[in-house]
Amino acid sequence: MAGIMVESAMTMVKSWEDRIEREGGQADIRVDDDLTNFSADTISKACFGSTCSKGKRFFELIRSLQRAISRTTIIVRIPILRYLPTKTNIEVWKLEKEIEKLILNLVAEGSGKSERDLLQTILEGAYAEQLAKETAIRYVVDNCNNIYVAGHDTVASVATWTLMLLAAYPEWQTRARAEVNDNFSRSST
């Protein structure tokens, strides 16, 4: 998966370089937005391989679901409220069904693929456990959700903080650059 990460990172860096060039050598770049897109792109490619656009759609649906669920959170949590057909609950249920449908379509499309991606690995895990069909579906959907939510937020946050700290401490930036260059020069010989 390192190749996927490098490809996504190179695309992002190239877009920064193009923007800097277009704006005459200096540009304001919102790296947090770009790193969010970077992590979504990387996870989409890792999970769904060549069907990356559907992975991006899945990511959009997950974000919409997170926003909808956050609107249902109240100070006093009353469990029965999540079963009532409120406007927000109906939106949450609709998004959950759309996410499940998208994942099941990806599973159906990927059943004959020769390339191995994370979705194929999750499916093999469900089959290895010999789960009932409904349980296997829930297993696959829940794992995809976890990968996106935990993986995306973690990657984007860590990358943003790393860049911020490197910008705040140029001497560390210089040391990190020297270490990377040293490792690349050793690996190419």
N, C-alpha and C. Protein backbone atom coordinates (compact mmCIF):
# COMPACT_ATOMS: atom_id res chain seq x y z
N MET A 1 0.81 -1.20 0.00
CA MET A 1 0.00 0.00 0.00
C MET A 1 0.85 1.27 0.00
N ALA A 2 2.15 1.10 0.20
CA ALA A 2 3.04 2.26 0.19
C ALA A 2 2.99 2.95 -1.17
N GLY A 3 2.89 2.18 -2.24
CA GLY A 3 2.79 2.77 -3.58
C GLY A 3 1.57 3.64 -3.73
N ILE A 4 0.46 3.21 -3.14
CA ILE A 4 -0.79 3.99 -3.18
C ILE A 4 -0.58 5.32 -2.45
N MET A 5 0.06 5.26 -1.29
CA MET A 5 0.31 6.48 -0.51
C MET A 5 1.22 7.44 -1.26
N VAL A 6 2.27 6.90 -1.86
CA VAL A 6 3.20 7.74 -2.62
C VAL A 6 2.49 8.38 -3.80
N GLU A 7 1.69 7.60 -4.52
CA GLU A 7 0.96 8.13 -5.68
C GLU A 7 0.02 9.26 -5.27
N SER A 8 -0.73 9.07 -4.19
CA SER A 8 -1.65 10.11 -3.72
C SER A 8 -0.89 11.34 -3.24
N ALA A 9 0.22 11.13 -2.53
CA ALA A 9 1.03 12.25 -2.04
C ALA A 9 1.65 13.03 -3.19
N MET A 10 2.15 12.33 -4.19
CA MET A 10 2.76 13.00 -5.34
C MET A 10 1.73 13.84 -6.10
N THR A 11 0.52 13.33 -6.21
CA THR A 11 -0.55 14.09 -6.87
C THR A 11 -0.84 15.37 -6.09
N MET A 12 -0.90 15.26 -4.76
CA MET A 12 -1.17 16.43 -3.93
C MET A 12 -0.02 17.44 -4.04
N VAL A 13 1.21 16.99 -3.91
CA VAL A 13 2.37 17.88 -3.99
C VAL A 13 2.44 18.55 -5.37
N LYS A 14 2.17 17.79 -6.41
CA LYS A 14 2.16 18.36 -7.78
C LYS A 14 1.12 19.46 -7.88
N SER A 15 -0.06 19.26 -7.29
CA SER A 15 -1.09 20.31 -7.33
C SER A 15 -0.62 21.56 -6.60
N TRP A 16 0.14 21.39 -5.48
CA TRP A 16 0.70 22.53 -4.77
C TRP A 16 1.73 23.25 -5.63
N GLU A 17 2.61 22.48 -6.25
CA GLU A 17 3.63 23.09 -7.11
C GLU A 17 2.99 23.86 -8.27
N ASP A 18 1.98 23.28 -8.89
CA ASP A 18 1.28 23.96 -10.00
C ASP A 18 0.64 25.25 -9.53
N ARG A 19 0.04 25.21 -8.35
CA ARG A 19 -0.62 26.41 -7.82
C ARG A 19 0.41 27.50 -7.52
N ILE A 20 1.52 27.12 -6.94
CA ILE A 20 2.58 28.09 -6.63
C ILE A 20 3.11 28.71 -7.92
N GLU A 21 3.29 27.89 -8.92
CA GLU A 21 3.78 28.39 -10.22
C GLU A 21 2.76 29.34 -10.85
N ARG A 22 1.48 28.98 -10.81
CA ARG A 22 0.42 29.83 -11.38
C ARG A 22 0.33 31.19 -10.68
N GLU A 23 0.62 31.19 -9.39
CA GLU A 23 0.48 32.42 -8.61
C GLU A 23 1.80 33.17 -8.46
N GLY A 24 2.77 32.87 -9.31
CA GLY A 24 4.00 33.65 -9.35
C GLY A 24 5.04 33.31 -8.30
N GLY A 25 5.06 32.10 -7.80
CA GLY A 25 6.11 31.69 -6.87
C GLY A 25 5.70 31.66 -5.42
N GLN A 26 4.49 32.15 -5.10
CA GLN A 26 4.01 32.13 -3.72
C GLN A 26 2.51 31.92 -3.74
N ALA A 27 2.02 31.09 -2.81
CA ALA A 27 0.58 30.83 -2.76
C ALA A 27 0.16 30.46 -1.35
N ASP A 28 -1.05 30.84 -1.01
CA ASP A 28 -1.65 30.39 0.25
C ASP A 28 -2.35 29.07 -0.05
N ILE A 29 -1.94 28.03 0.66
CA ILE A 29 -2.49 26.70 0.43
C ILE A 29 -3.11 26.21 1.73
N ARG A 30 -4.37 25.81 1.66
CA ARG A 30 -5.06 25.25 2.83
C ARG A 30 -4.70 23.77 2.90
N VAL A 31 -3.60 23.46 3.56
CA VAL A 31 -3.12 22.09 3.57
C VAL A 31 -4.07 21.14 4.30
N ASP A 32 -4.84 21.66 5.28
CA ASP A 32 -5.75 20.77 5.99
C ASP A 32 -6.81 20.20 5.05
N ASP A 33 -7.35 21.02 4.15
CA ASP A 33 -8.32 20.52 3.17
C ASP A 33 -7.66 19.52 2.22
N ASP A 34 -6.46 19.85 1.77
CA ASP A 34 -5.75 18.95 0.86
C ASP A 34 -5.37 17.64 1.53
N LEU A 35 -4.99 17.69 2.79
CA LEU A 35 -4.64 16.47 3.51
C LEU A 35 -5.87 15.61 3.79
N THR A 36 -7.01 16.26 4.00
CA THR A 36 -8.26 15.52 4.14
C THR A 36 -8.56 14.77 2.84
N ASN A 37 -8.42 15.47 1.71
CA ASN A 37 -8.63 14.83 0.41
C ASN A 37 -7.59 13.75 0.14
N PHE A 38 -6.35 13.99 0.55
CA PHE A 38 -5.27 13.02 0.39
C PHE A 38 -5.61 11.72 1.12
N SER A 39 -6.02 11.85 2.39
CA SER A 39 -6.31 10.63 3.15
C SER A 39 -7.52 9.90 2.58
N ALA A 40 -8.54 10.65 2.13
CA ALA A 40 -9.71 10.01 1.51
C ALA A 40 -9.31 9.29 0.23
N ASP A 41 -8.47 9.93 -0.57
CA ASP A 41 -8.02 9.33 -1.83
C ASP A 41 -7.21 8.06 -1.57
N THR A 42 -6.31 8.13 -0.61
CA THR A 42 -5.46 6.98 -0.29
C THR A 42 -6.30 5.81 0.22
N ILE A 43 -7.20 6.08 1.14
CA ILE A 43 -8.04 5.02 1.69
C ILE A 43 -8.96 4.46 0.62
N SER A 44 -9.51 5.32 -0.24
CA SER A 44 -10.38 4.86 -1.32
C SER A 44 -9.64 3.91 -2.26
N LYS A 45 -8.41 4.29 -2.62
CA LYS A 45 -7.63 3.43 -3.51
C LYS A 45 -7.25 2.12 -2.83
N ALA A 46 -6.91 2.20 -1.54
CA ALA A 46 -6.52 0.98 -0.82
C ALA A 46 -7.70 0.03 -0.64
N CYS A 47 -8.87 0.60 -0.36
CA CYS A 47 -10.05 -0.23 -0.12
C CYS A 47 -10.68 -0.73 -1.41
N PHE A 48 -10.77 0.15 -2.40
CA PHE A 48 -11.57 -0.17 -3.56
C PHE A 48 -10.79 -0.25 -4.85
N GLY A 49 -9.49 -0.09 -4.78
CA GLY A 49 -8.65 -0.25 -5.96
C GLY A 49 -9.07 0.63 -7.12
N SER A 50 -9.36 0.00 -8.22
CA SER A 50 -9.65 0.74 -9.45
C SER A 50 -11.01 1.43 -9.41
N THR A 51 -11.85 1.11 -8.44
CA THR A 51 -13.16 1.75 -8.34
C THR A 51 -13.09 2.91 -7.35
N CYS A 52 -12.04 3.68 -7.45
CA CYS A 52 -11.76 4.77 -6.51
C CYS A 52 -12.89 5.80 -6.45
N SER A 53 -13.53 6.09 -7.59
CA SER A 53 -14.60 7.09 -7.58
C SER A 53 -15.74 6.65 -6.68
N LYS A 54 -16.01 5.34 -6.66
CA LYS A 54 -17.05 4.84 -5.76
C LYS A 54 -16.57 4.91 -4.32
N GLY A 55 -15.28 4.74 -4.11
CA GLY A 55 -14.73 4.91 -2.78
C GLY A 55 -14.89 6.33 -2.28
N LYS A 56 -14.71 7.28 -3.19
CA LYS A 56 -14.91 8.69 -2.82
C LYS A 56 -16.37 8.96 -2.49
N ARG A 57 -17.28 8.33 -3.24
CA ARG A 57 -18.71 8.47 -2.96
C ARG A 57 -19.02 7.90 -1.57
N PHE A 58 -18.42 6.77 -1.26
CA PHE A 58 -18.59 6.15 0.06
C PHE A 58 -18.13 7.12 1.14
N PHE A 59 -16.98 7.75 0.92
CA PHE A 59 -16.44 8.71 1.88
C PHE A 59 -17.41 9.88 2.08
N GLU A 60 -17.98 10.40 1.00
CA GLU A 60 -18.95 11.50 1.11
C GLU A 60 -20.16 11.07 1.93
N LEU A 61 -20.64 9.85 1.69
CA LEU A 61 -21.79 9.34 2.43
C LEU A 61 -21.48 9.19 3.92
N ILE A 62 -20.28 8.70 4.22
CA ILE A 62 -19.88 8.55 5.63
C ILE A 62 -19.84 9.91 6.32
N ARG A 63 -19.29 10.92 5.64
CA ARG A 63 -19.24 12.26 6.23
C ARG A 63 -20.64 12.81 6.46
N SER A 64 -21.53 12.60 5.51
CA SER A 64 -22.93 13.04 5.66
C SER A 64 -23.58 12.32 6.84
N LEU A 65 -23.30 11.02 6.96
CA LEU A 65 -23.85 10.24 8.07
C LEU A 65 -23.31 10.77 9.41
N GLN A 66 -22.02 11.08 9.47
CA GLN A 66 -21.45 11.62 10.71
C GLN A 66 -22.13 12.94 11.10
N ARG A 67 -22.35 13.81 10.10
CA ARG A 67 -23.02 15.09 10.39
C ARG A 67 -24.45 14.86 10.88
N ALA A 68 -25.16 13.94 10.23
CA ALA A 68 -26.55 13.66 10.62
C ALA A 68 -26.61 13.07 12.03
N ILE A 69 -25.71 12.15 12.33
CA ILE A 69 -25.70 11.54 13.66
C ILE A 69 -25.35 12.57 14.72
N SER A 70 -24.45 13.49 14.40
CA SER A 70 -24.08 14.51 15.39
C SER A 70 -25.26 15.42 15.72
N ARG A 71 -26.20 15.57 14.79
CA ARG A 71 -27.39 16.37 15.06
C ARG A 71 -28.36 15.65 15.99
N THR A 72 -28.23 14.32 16.10
CA THR A 72 -29.14 13.57 16.96
C THR A 72 -28.65 13.49 18.39
N THR A 73 -27.40 13.87 18.62
CA THR A 73 -26.82 13.80 19.95
C THR A 73 -27.39 14.91 20.81
N ILE A 74 -27.94 14.51 21.95
CA ILE A 74 -28.47 15.48 22.90
C ILE A 74 -27.83 15.23 24.25
N ILE A 75 -27.95 16.19 25.14
CA ILE A 75 -27.34 16.08 26.47
C ILE A 75 -27.85 14.83 27.18
N VAL A 76 -29.15 14.67 27.23
CA VAL A 76 -29.75 13.50 27.87
C VAL A 76 -29.96 12.46 26.78
N ARG A 77 -29.25 11.37 26.86
CA ARG A 77 -29.38 10.33 25.84
C ARG A 77 -30.52 9.39 26.23
N ILE A 78 -31.51 9.37 25.38
CA ILE A 78 -32.64 8.48 25.58
C ILE A 78 -32.61 7.49 24.42
N PRO A 79 -32.24 6.24 24.69
CA PRO A 79 -32.03 5.27 23.62
C PRO A 79 -33.22 5.09 22.67
N ILE A 80 -34.41 5.19 23.16
CA ILE A 80 -35.59 4.95 22.33
C ILE A 80 -35.73 5.99 21.22
N LEU A 81 -35.13 7.18 21.41
CA LEU A 81 -35.26 8.25 20.43
C LEU A 81 -34.68 7.89 19.07
N ARG A 82 -33.67 7.02 19.04
CA ARG A 82 -33.07 6.67 17.76
C ARG A 82 -33.97 5.78 16.91
N TYR A 83 -35.03 5.25 17.50
CA TYR A 83 -35.96 4.40 16.76
C TYR A 83 -37.20 5.15 16.27
N LEU A 84 -37.34 6.39 16.70
CA LEU A 84 -38.50 7.19 16.28
C LEU A 84 -38.24 7.78 14.90
N PRO A 85 -39.26 7.85 14.06
CA PRO A 85 -39.08 8.35 12.69
C PRO A 85 -39.01 9.88 12.60
N THR A 86 -38.00 10.44 13.27
CA THR A 86 -37.81 11.89 13.18
C THR A 86 -37.14 12.19 11.84
N LYS A 87 -37.13 13.46 11.47
CA LYS A 87 -36.50 13.85 10.20
C LYS A 87 -35.03 13.43 10.16
N THR A 88 -34.31 13.67 11.25
CA THR A 88 -32.89 13.32 11.29
C THR A 88 -32.70 11.81 11.27
N ASN A 89 -33.50 11.07 12.03
CA ASN A 89 -33.37 9.61 12.04
C ASN A 89 -33.66 9.02 10.66
N ILE A 90 -34.64 9.55 9.97
CA ILE A 90 -34.95 9.08 8.62
C ILE A 90 -33.77 9.34 7.70
N GLU A 91 -33.13 10.51 7.84
CA GLU A 91 -31.94 10.82 7.04
C GLU A 91 -30.82 9.84 7.36
N VAL A 92 -30.60 9.55 8.64
CA VAL A 92 -29.56 8.60 9.07
C VAL A 92 -29.84 7.22 8.47
N TRP A 93 -31.07 6.75 8.57
CA TRP A 93 -31.43 5.43 8.05
C TRP A 93 -31.22 5.36 6.54
N LYS A 94 -31.60 6.43 5.86
CA LYS A 94 -31.43 6.48 4.40
C LYS A 94 -29.94 6.42 4.03
N LEU A 95 -29.12 7.19 4.73
CA LEU A 95 -27.68 7.19 4.46
C LEU A 95 -27.06 5.82 4.76
N GLU A 96 -27.48 5.20 5.86
CA GLU A 96 -26.96 3.87 6.20
C GLU A 96 -27.30 2.85 5.11
N LYS A 97 -28.52 2.92 4.60
CA LYS A 97 -28.93 2.00 3.53
C LYS A 97 -28.16 2.27 2.24
N GLU A 98 -27.93 3.55 1.94
CA GLU A 98 -27.18 3.90 0.73
C GLU A 98 -25.73 3.43 0.83
N ILE A 99 -25.14 3.57 2.02
CA ILE A 99 -23.77 3.10 2.24
C ILE A 99 -23.71 1.58 2.08
N GLU A 100 -24.64 0.89 2.69
CA GLU A 100 -24.68 -0.57 2.59
C GLU A 100 -24.85 -1.01 1.13
N LYS A 101 -25.74 -0.35 0.42
CA LYS A 101 -25.98 -0.69 -0.99
C LYS A 101 -24.71 -0.47 -1.82
N LEU A 102 -24.03 0.65 -1.59
CA LEU A 102 -22.80 0.94 -2.32
C LEU A 102 -21.74 -0.12 -2.05
N ILE A 103 -21.57 -0.51 -0.79
CA ILE A 103 -20.59 -1.53 -0.43
C ILE A 103 -20.95 -2.86 -1.08
N LEU A 104 -22.22 -3.23 -1.04
CA LEU A 104 -22.64 -4.50 -1.64
C LEU A 104 -22.43 -4.48 -3.15
N ASN A 105 -22.66 -3.34 -3.79
CA ASN A 105 -22.38 -3.23 -5.23
C ASN A 105 -20.89 -3.38 -5.51
N LEU A 106 -20.07 -2.78 -4.67
CA LEU A 106 -18.61 -2.91 -4.82
C LEU A 106 -18.18 -4.36 -4.62
N VAL A 107 -18.80 -5.03 -3.67
CA VAL A 107 -18.49 -6.44 -3.43
C VAL A 107 -18.84 -7.25 -4.67
N ALA A 108 -20.02 -7.01 -5.22
CA ALA A 108 -20.46 -7.75 -6.41
C ALA A 108 -19.54 -7.48 -7.60
N GLU A 109 -19.16 -6.23 -7.79
CA GLU A 109 -18.26 -5.87 -8.90
C GLU A 109 -16.87 -6.45 -8.73
N GLY A 110 -16.43 -6.54 -7.48
CA GLY A 110 -15.06 -6.97 -7.23
C GLY A 110 -14.88 -8.46 -7.12
N SER A 111 -15.95 -9.24 -7.22
CA SER A 111 -15.83 -10.68 -7.00
C SER A 111 -14.94 -11.37 -8.03
N GLY A 112 -14.82 -10.80 -9.22
CA GLY A 112 -13.98 -11.44 -10.24
C GLY A 112 -12.67 -10.72 -10.49
N LYS A 113 -12.34 -9.76 -9.62
CA LYS A 113 -11.12 -8.97 -9.83
C LYS A 113 -9.88 -9.79 -9.58
N SER A 114 -8.85 -9.50 -10.36
CA SER A 114 -7.57 -10.17 -10.13
C SER A 114 -6.73 -9.39 -9.13
N GLU A 115 -6.91 -8.07 -9.06
CA GLU A 115 -6.14 -7.26 -8.11
C GLU A 115 -6.71 -7.41 -6.71
N ARG A 116 -5.84 -7.38 -5.73
CA ARG A 116 -6.26 -7.57 -4.35
C ARG A 116 -6.25 -6.20 -3.66
N ASP A 117 -7.37 -5.87 -3.03
CA ASP A 117 -7.45 -4.64 -2.27
C ASP A 117 -8.00 -4.95 -0.89
N LEU A 118 -8.16 -3.93 -0.08
CA LEU A 118 -8.60 -4.12 1.30
C LEU A 118 -10.01 -4.70 1.37
N LEU A 119 -10.87 -4.30 0.45
CA LEU A 119 -12.23 -4.83 0.43
C LEU A 119 -12.20 -6.35 0.23
N GLN A 120 -11.35 -6.82 -0.67
CA GLN A 120 -11.22 -8.26 -0.91
C GLN A 120 -10.75 -8.97 0.38
N THR A 121 -9.84 -8.35 1.11
CA THR A 121 -9.34 -8.93 2.36
C THR A 121 -10.45 -9.02 3.39
N ILE A 122 -11.26 -7.98 3.49
CA ILE A 122 -12.38 -7.99 4.44
C ILE A 122 -13.38 -9.08 4.06
N LEU A 123 -13.66 -9.20 2.77
CA LEU A 123 -14.58 -10.25 2.31
C LEU A 123 -14.06 -11.64 2.66
N GLU A 124 -12.77 -11.85 2.42
CA GLU A 124 -12.18 -13.15 2.75
C GLU A 124 -12.31 -13.44 4.24
N GLY A 125 -12.17 -12.40 5.06
CA GLY A 125 -12.36 -12.57 6.51
C GLY A 125 -13.77 -12.98 6.85
N ALA A 126 -14.75 -12.37 6.19
CA ALA A 126 -16.15 -12.73 6.43
C ALA A 126 -16.41 -14.17 6.00
N TYR A 127 -15.86 -14.57 4.85
CA TYR A 127 -16.05 -15.94 4.36
C TYR A 127 -15.32 -16.95 5.26
N ALA A 128 -14.14 -16.59 5.73
CA ALA A 128 -13.36 -17.49 6.58
C ALA A 128 -14.07 -17.78 7.89
N GLU A 129 -14.79 -16.79 8.38
CA GLU A 129 -15.54 -16.96 9.63
C GLU A 129 -16.83 -17.73 9.42
N GLN A 130 -17.17 -17.98 8.15
CA GLN A 130 -18.39 -18.69 7.78
C GLN A 130 -19.62 -18.05 8.45
N LEU A 131 -19.70 -16.76 8.30
CA LEU A 131 -20.80 -16.00 8.89
C LEU A 131 -22.07 -16.16 8.06
N ALA A 132 -23.21 -16.03 8.72
CA ALA A 132 -24.48 -16.02 8.00
C ALA A 132 -24.49 -14.81 7.08
N LYS A 133 -25.27 -14.86 6.01
CA LYS A 133 -25.24 -13.80 4.99
C LYS A 133 -25.46 -12.41 5.61
N GLU A 134 -26.48 -12.26 6.43
CA GLU A 134 -26.78 -10.95 7.03
C GLU A 134 -25.64 -10.51 7.95
N THR A 135 -25.06 -11.42 8.69
CA THR A 135 -23.94 -11.10 9.58
C THR A 135 -22.70 -10.74 8.75
N ALA A 136 -22.48 -11.46 7.66
CA ALA A 136 -21.33 -11.16 6.79
C ALA A 136 -21.47 -9.77 6.19
N ILE A 137 -22.66 -9.41 5.75
CA ILE A 137 -22.92 -8.07 5.20
C ILE A 137 -22.60 -7.02 6.26
N ARG A 138 -23.11 -7.23 7.46
CA ARG A 138 -22.87 -6.28 8.56
C ARG A 138 -21.38 -6.18 8.87
N TYR A 139 -20.68 -7.32 8.85
CA TYR A 139 -19.23 -7.38 9.09
C TYR A 139 -18.48 -6.53 8.06
N VAL A 140 -18.81 -6.70 6.80
CA VAL A 140 -18.13 -5.96 5.73
C VAL A 140 -18.44 -4.47 5.84
N VAL A 141 -19.70 -4.12 6.00
CA VAL A 141 -20.10 -2.72 6.09
C VAL A 141 -19.45 -2.04 7.30
N ASP A 142 -19.48 -2.70 8.45
CA ASP A 142 -18.90 -2.12 9.66
C ASP A 142 -17.39 -1.93 9.52
N ASN A 143 -16.70 -2.90 8.93
CA ASN A 143 -15.26 -2.77 8.74
C ASN A 143 -14.91 -1.64 7.78
N CYS A 144 -15.67 -1.50 6.70
CA CYS A 144 -15.42 -0.39 5.77
C CYS A 144 -15.65 0.95 6.47
N ASN A 145 -16.72 1.04 7.25
CA ASN A 145 -16.99 2.27 8.01
C ASN A 145 -15.83 2.58 8.96
N ASN A 146 -15.36 1.58 9.69
CA ASN A 146 -14.27 1.78 10.64
C ASN A 146 -12.99 2.24 9.95
N ILE A 147 -12.68 1.63 8.82
CA ILE A 147 -11.47 2.00 8.09
C ILE A 147 -11.54 3.46 7.67
N TYR A 148 -12.68 3.86 7.15
CA TYR A 148 -12.82 5.24 6.68
C TYR A 148 -12.78 6.22 7.82
N VAL A 149 -13.57 6.00 8.84
CA VAL A 149 -13.66 6.97 9.93
C VAL A 149 -12.35 7.04 10.69
N ALA A 150 -11.86 5.91 11.17
CA ALA A 150 -10.62 5.92 11.96
C ALA A 150 -9.42 6.26 11.10
N GLY A 151 -9.31 5.65 9.95
CA GLY A 151 -8.16 5.88 9.08
C GLY A 151 -8.09 7.29 8.55
N HIS A 152 -9.22 7.79 8.08
CA HIS A 152 -9.21 9.13 7.48
C HIS A 152 -8.90 10.20 8.51
N ASP A 153 -9.62 10.21 9.61
CA ASP A 153 -9.42 11.25 10.61
C ASP A 153 -8.00 11.21 11.18
N THR A 154 -7.50 10.02 11.42
CA THR A 154 -6.16 9.89 11.98
C THR A 154 -5.10 10.38 11.02
N VAL A 155 -5.16 9.92 9.78
CA VAL A 155 -4.16 10.30 8.79
C VAL A 155 -4.17 11.81 8.55
N ALA A 156 -5.34 12.38 8.35
CA ALA A 156 -5.44 13.81 8.08
C ALA A 156 -4.93 14.64 9.27
N SER A 157 -5.30 14.24 10.48
CA SER A 157 -4.87 14.99 11.67
C SER A 157 -3.36 14.90 11.89
N VAL A 158 -2.82 13.70 11.79
CA VAL A 158 -1.38 13.52 11.99
C VAL A 158 -0.58 14.27 10.93
N ALA A 159 -0.99 14.17 9.69
CA ALA A 159 -0.27 14.85 8.62
C ALA A 159 -0.34 16.37 8.80
N THR A 160 -1.50 16.89 9.17
CA THR A 160 -1.65 18.33 9.39
C THR A 160 -0.73 18.79 10.53
N TRP A 161 -0.76 18.08 11.65
CA TRP A 161 0.09 18.45 12.78
C TRP A 161 1.57 18.34 12.43
N THR A 162 1.94 17.30 11.70
CA THR A 162 3.35 17.13 11.31
C THR A 162 3.82 18.31 10.48
N LEU A 163 3.03 18.68 9.47
CA LEU A 163 3.42 19.82 8.63
C LEU A 163 3.46 21.12 9.43
N MET A 164 2.51 21.29 10.34
CA MET A 164 2.49 22.49 11.16
C MET A 164 3.73 22.57 12.04
N LEU A 165 4.10 21.46 12.66
CA LEU A 165 5.28 21.44 13.52
C LEU A 165 6.56 21.63 12.72
N LEU A 166 6.64 21.02 11.54
CA LEU A 166 7.83 21.21 10.70
C LEU A 166 7.95 22.67 10.24
N ALA A 167 6.81 23.31 9.99
CA ALA A 167 6.84 24.72 9.60
C ALA A 167 7.26 25.60 10.78
N ALA A 168 6.84 25.22 11.98
CA ALA A 168 7.18 26.01 13.17
C ALA A 168 8.63 25.82 13.60
N TYR A 169 9.22 24.68 13.26
CA TYR A 169 10.59 24.38 13.67
C TYR A 169 11.41 24.01 12.44
N PRO A 170 11.91 25.03 11.72
CA PRO A 170 12.66 24.78 10.48
C PRO A 170 13.88 23.88 10.66
N GLU A 171 14.50 23.93 11.83
CA GLU A 171 15.67 23.07 12.04
C GLU A 171 15.28 21.59 12.00
N TRP A 172 14.08 21.26 12.49
CA TRP A 172 13.60 19.89 12.40
C TRP A 172 13.24 19.53 10.96
N GLN A 173 12.73 20.50 10.24
CA GLN A 173 12.43 20.29 8.82
C GLN A 173 13.71 19.94 8.06
N THR A 174 14.78 20.66 8.35
CA THR A 174 16.07 20.42 7.71
C THR A 174 16.59 19.03 8.07
N ARG A 175 16.49 18.66 9.35
CA ARG A 175 16.95 17.34 9.79
C ARG A 175 16.11 16.23 9.15
N ALA A 176 14.80 16.41 9.07
CA ALA A 176 13.92 15.40 8.46
C ALA A 176 14.25 15.23 6.98
N ARG A 177 14.45 16.35 6.28
CA ARG A 177 14.79 16.31 4.86
C ARG A 177 16.11 15.57 4.65
N ALA A 178 17.11 15.87 5.49
CA ALA A 178 18.42 15.21 5.38
C ALA A 178 18.29 13.71 5.63
N GLU A 179 17.47 13.33 6.60
CA GLU A 179 17.28 11.91 6.90
C GLU A 179 16.60 11.18 5.75
N VAL A 180 15.59 11.79 5.16
CA VAL A 180 14.91 11.19 4.01
C VAL A 180 15.87 11.05 2.84
N ASN A 181 16.61 12.12 2.54
CA ASN A 181 17.59 12.06 1.45
C ASN A 181 18.64 10.98 1.70
N ASP A 182 19.08 10.87 2.94
CA ASP A 182 20.08 9.86 3.29
C ASP A 182 19.52 8.45 3.07
N ASN A 183 18.29 8.23 3.51
CA ASN A 183 17.68 6.91 3.34
C ASN A 183 17.46 6.57 1.88
N PHE A 184 17.04 7.55 1.08
CA PHE A 184 16.83 7.31 -0.35
C PHE A 184 18.14 7.04 -1.07
N SER A 185 19.19 7.76 -0.68
CA SER A 185 20.48 7.54 -1.34
C SER A 185 21.04 6.16 -0.99
N ARG A 186 20.80 5.69 0.23
CA ARG A 186 21.25 4.35 0.64
C ARG A 186 20.45 3.27 -0.07
N SER A 187 19.15 3.48 -0.24
CA SER A 187 18.31 2.44 -0.85
C SER A 187 18.53 2.35 -2.37
N SER A 188 19.00 3.42 -2.98
CA SER A 188 19.22 3.39 -4.43
C SER A 188 20.58 2.79 -4.81
N THR A 189 21.45 2.59 -3.82
CA THR A 189 22.77 2.00 -4.12
C THR A 189 22.78 0.52 -3.90
